[in-house]
Amino acid sequence: MHIQFQSPAVHWVEALPIGNGRLGAMVFGGIEKERIALNEDTLWSGFPGEWNNPGTKAALRNEGAMEQ
C-alpha cells in the first residue's frame, strides 16, 4: 500500500491516525521536519483510574474450562 499527500497536515484533524488500540499516533507528515503526536491509553484519561480488573482470573479460568 502507498499513501501520498500533497502537503503535511496543519491541524490535528488532518493528520493520519495509526495505532493498535492501546498505542496510537497522529502522523502529520513533512519532509524537513516530521511531526508525530503519540498517545498511550494509560497515560491520562481525564480522571484517576484503576486499570486492573479483579474478575480477570476467574474469567480466564472459565474460558479454559469451556475449551476442554
N, C-alpha and C. Protein backbone atom coordinates (compact mmCIF):
# COMPACT_ATOMS: atom_id res chain seq x y z
N MET A 1 0.85 -1.17 0.00
CA MET A 1 0.00 0.00 0.00
C MET A 1 0.90 1.23 0.00
N HIS A 2 0.45 2.25 -0.67
CA HIS A 2 1.20 3.50 -0.75
C HIS A 2 0.22 4.65 -0.57
N ILE A 3 0.48 5.50 0.42
CA ILE A 3 -0.36 6.67 0.66
C ILE A 3 0.52 7.90 0.49
N GLN A 4 0.03 8.86 -0.27
CA GLN A 4 0.82 10.06 -0.51
C GLN A 4 -0.09 11.29 -0.43
N PHE A 5 0.37 12.30 0.30
CA PHE A 5 -0.37 13.55 0.43
C PHE A 5 0.43 14.67 -0.24
N GLN A 6 -0.25 15.71 -0.64
CA GLN A 6 0.40 16.82 -1.32
C GLN A 6 1.16 17.74 -0.36
N SER A 7 0.71 17.79 0.90
CA SER A 7 1.36 18.65 1.88
C SER A 7 1.14 18.08 3.28
N PRO A 8 1.98 18.46 4.24
CA PRO A 8 1.81 17.98 5.61
C PRO A 8 0.52 18.50 6.23
N ALA A 9 0.01 17.76 7.20
CA ALA A 9 -1.17 18.20 7.94
C ALA A 9 -0.81 19.42 8.77
N VAL A 10 -1.70 20.37 8.82
CA VAL A 10 -1.51 21.57 9.62
C VAL A 10 -2.21 21.41 10.96
N HIS A 11 -3.41 20.85 10.94
CA HIS A 11 -4.23 20.68 12.14
C HIS A 11 -4.35 19.19 12.48
N TRP A 12 -4.67 18.91 13.73
CA TRP A 12 -4.78 17.54 14.23
C TRP A 12 -5.78 16.73 13.41
N VAL A 13 -6.88 17.32 13.01
CA VAL A 13 -7.91 16.58 12.27
C VAL A 13 -7.47 16.21 10.86
N GLU A 14 -6.38 16.76 10.38
CA GLU A 14 -5.86 16.44 9.05
C GLU A 14 -4.80 15.34 9.09
N ALA A 15 -4.31 15.00 10.28
CA ALA A 15 -3.23 14.02 10.41
C ALA A 15 -3.74 12.60 10.16
N LEU A 16 -2.81 11.70 9.87
CA LEU A 16 -3.13 10.31 9.59
C LEU A 16 -3.07 9.51 10.89
N PRO A 17 -4.21 8.94 11.35
CA PRO A 17 -4.20 8.17 12.59
C PRO A 17 -3.68 6.75 12.35
N ILE A 18 -2.79 6.30 13.22
CA ILE A 18 -2.30 4.93 13.19
C ILE A 18 -2.28 4.41 14.61
N GLY A 19 -2.37 3.10 14.80
CA GLY A 19 -2.29 2.54 16.14
C GLY A 19 -2.88 1.16 16.22
N ASN A 20 -2.85 0.62 17.44
CA ASN A 20 -3.33 -0.74 17.65
C ASN A 20 -4.40 -0.82 18.74
N GLY A 21 -4.96 0.29 19.15
CA GLY A 21 -5.98 0.28 20.19
C GLY A 21 -5.43 0.66 21.56
N ARG A 22 -4.17 0.46 21.79
CA ARG A 22 -3.55 0.85 23.05
C ARG A 22 -2.54 1.98 22.83
N LEU A 23 -1.73 1.84 21.82
CA LEU A 23 -0.75 2.86 21.47
C LEU A 23 -1.16 3.45 20.13
N GLY A 24 -1.27 4.76 20.09
CA GLY A 24 -1.70 5.40 18.86
C GLY A 24 -0.85 6.61 18.53
N ALA A 25 -0.97 7.06 17.30
CA ALA A 25 -0.23 8.23 16.86
C ALA A 25 -1.00 8.94 15.77
N MET A 26 -0.78 10.23 15.70
CA MET A 26 -1.28 11.04 14.59
C MET A 26 -0.05 11.52 13.84
N VAL A 27 0.09 11.09 12.60
CA VAL A 27 1.25 11.43 11.78
C VAL A 27 0.89 12.62 10.91
N PHE A 28 1.62 13.70 11.08
CA PHE A 28 1.33 14.94 10.37
C PHE A 28 2.06 15.01 9.03
N GLY A 29 3.14 14.29 8.88
CA GLY A 29 3.90 14.30 7.64
C GLY A 29 4.86 15.48 7.59
N GLY A 30 5.64 15.50 6.59
CA GLY A 30 6.62 16.56 6.42
C GLY A 30 7.94 15.98 5.95
N ILE A 31 8.70 16.76 5.22
CA ILE A 31 9.98 16.30 4.70
C ILE A 31 11.12 16.82 5.57
N GLU A 32 11.17 18.10 5.78
CA GLU A 32 12.25 18.68 6.59
C GLU A 32 12.06 18.40 8.07
N LYS A 33 10.81 18.34 8.50
CA LYS A 33 10.51 18.15 9.92
C LYS A 33 9.23 17.32 10.04
N GLU A 34 9.35 16.10 10.58
CA GLU A 34 8.20 15.24 10.80
C GLU A 34 7.58 15.56 12.15
N ARG A 35 6.27 15.50 12.23
CA ARG A 35 5.57 15.75 13.49
C ARG A 35 4.66 14.56 13.75
N ILE A 36 4.82 13.92 14.92
CA ILE A 36 4.01 12.77 15.31
C ILE A 36 3.51 13.01 16.73
N ALA A 37 2.20 12.94 16.93
CA ALA A 37 1.61 13.06 18.26
C ALA A 37 1.30 11.65 18.75
N LEU A 38 1.92 11.24 19.88
CA LEU A 38 1.73 9.90 20.43
C LEU A 38 0.74 9.91 21.57
N ASN A 39 0.04 8.79 21.75
CA ASN A 39 -0.87 8.62 22.87
C ASN A 39 -0.88 7.15 23.27
N GLU A 40 -0.87 6.90 24.57
CA GLU A 40 -0.93 5.56 25.12
C GLU A 40 -2.08 5.56 26.11
N ASP A 41 -2.96 4.56 26.06
CA ASP A 41 -4.24 4.65 26.77
C ASP A 41 -4.16 4.76 28.28
N THR A 42 -3.05 4.40 28.91
CA THR A 42 -2.98 4.52 30.37
C THR A 42 -2.31 5.82 30.82
N LEU A 43 -1.86 6.67 29.90
CA LEU A 43 -1.19 7.91 30.30
C LEU A 43 -2.13 8.84 31.06
N TRP A 44 -3.27 9.14 30.47
CA TRP A 44 -4.22 10.03 31.12
C TRP A 44 -5.57 9.91 30.44
N SER A 45 -6.58 9.65 31.23
CA SER A 45 -7.92 9.52 30.67
C SER A 45 -8.83 10.65 31.12
N GLY A 46 -8.27 11.61 31.87
CA GLY A 46 -9.07 12.71 32.37
C GLY A 46 -9.45 12.53 33.82
N PHE A 47 -9.23 11.33 34.35
CA PHE A 47 -9.54 11.07 35.75
C PHE A 47 -8.66 9.93 36.24
N PRO A 48 -8.38 9.86 37.55
CA PRO A 48 -7.61 8.74 38.08
C PRO A 48 -8.42 7.46 37.90
N GLY A 49 -7.75 6.39 37.59
CA GLY A 49 -8.48 5.14 37.38
C GLY A 49 -7.68 3.93 37.81
N GLU A 50 -8.37 2.88 38.12
CA GLU A 50 -7.76 1.59 38.44
C GLU A 50 -7.91 0.72 37.21
N TRP A 51 -6.80 0.33 36.60
CA TRP A 51 -6.84 -0.39 35.33
C TRP A 51 -6.84 -1.90 35.50
N ASN A 52 -6.66 -2.39 36.72
CA ASN A 52 -6.68 -3.83 36.95
C ASN A 52 -8.12 -4.30 37.08
N ASN A 53 -8.45 -5.39 36.43
CA ASN A 53 -9.78 -5.97 36.50
C ASN A 53 -9.74 -7.15 37.46
N PRO A 54 -10.37 -7.05 38.63
CA PRO A 54 -10.29 -8.14 39.61
C PRO A 54 -10.96 -9.43 39.13
N GLY A 55 -11.83 -9.38 38.13
CA GLY A 55 -12.51 -10.58 37.65
C GLY A 55 -11.78 -11.32 36.54
N THR A 56 -10.60 -10.84 36.15
CA THR A 56 -9.89 -11.45 35.02
C THR A 56 -9.51 -12.90 35.29
N LYS A 57 -8.98 -13.19 36.46
CA LYS A 57 -8.53 -14.55 36.77
C LYS A 57 -9.68 -15.55 36.66
N ALA A 58 -10.83 -15.21 37.21
CA ALA A 58 -11.98 -16.11 37.15
C ALA A 58 -12.48 -16.27 35.71
N ALA A 59 -12.48 -15.18 34.96
CA ALA A 59 -12.94 -15.24 33.57
C ALA A 59 -12.03 -16.14 32.74
N LEU A 60 -10.73 -16.03 32.93
CA LEU A 60 -9.79 -16.88 32.19
C LEU A 60 -9.93 -18.34 32.61
N ARG A 61 -10.18 -18.58 33.87
CA ARG A 61 -10.38 -19.95 34.35
C ARG A 61 -11.61 -20.54 33.68
N ASN A 62 -12.70 -19.77 33.59
CA ASN A 62 -13.93 -20.25 32.95
C ASN A 62 -13.71 -20.49 31.46
N GLU A 63 -12.95 -19.64 30.81
CA GLU A 63 -12.69 -19.80 29.38
C GLU A 63 -11.91 -21.08 29.13
N GLY A 64 -10.94 -21.38 29.98
CA GLY A 64 -10.17 -22.61 29.84
C GLY A 64 -11.04 -23.84 30.01
N ALA A 65 -12.01 -23.78 30.92
CA ALA A 65 -12.92 -24.90 31.14
C ALA A 65 -13.82 -25.11 29.92
N MET A 66 -14.21 -24.04 29.24
CA MET A 66 -15.07 -24.15 28.06
C MET A 66 -14.34 -24.78 26.89
N GLU A 67 -13.02 -24.58 26.79
CA GLU A 67 -12.25 -25.13 25.68
C GLU A 67 -12.09 -26.63 25.79
N GLN A 68 -12.18 -27.19 26.99
CA GLN A 68 -11.95 -28.63 27.19
C GLN A 68 -13.12 -29.45 26.80
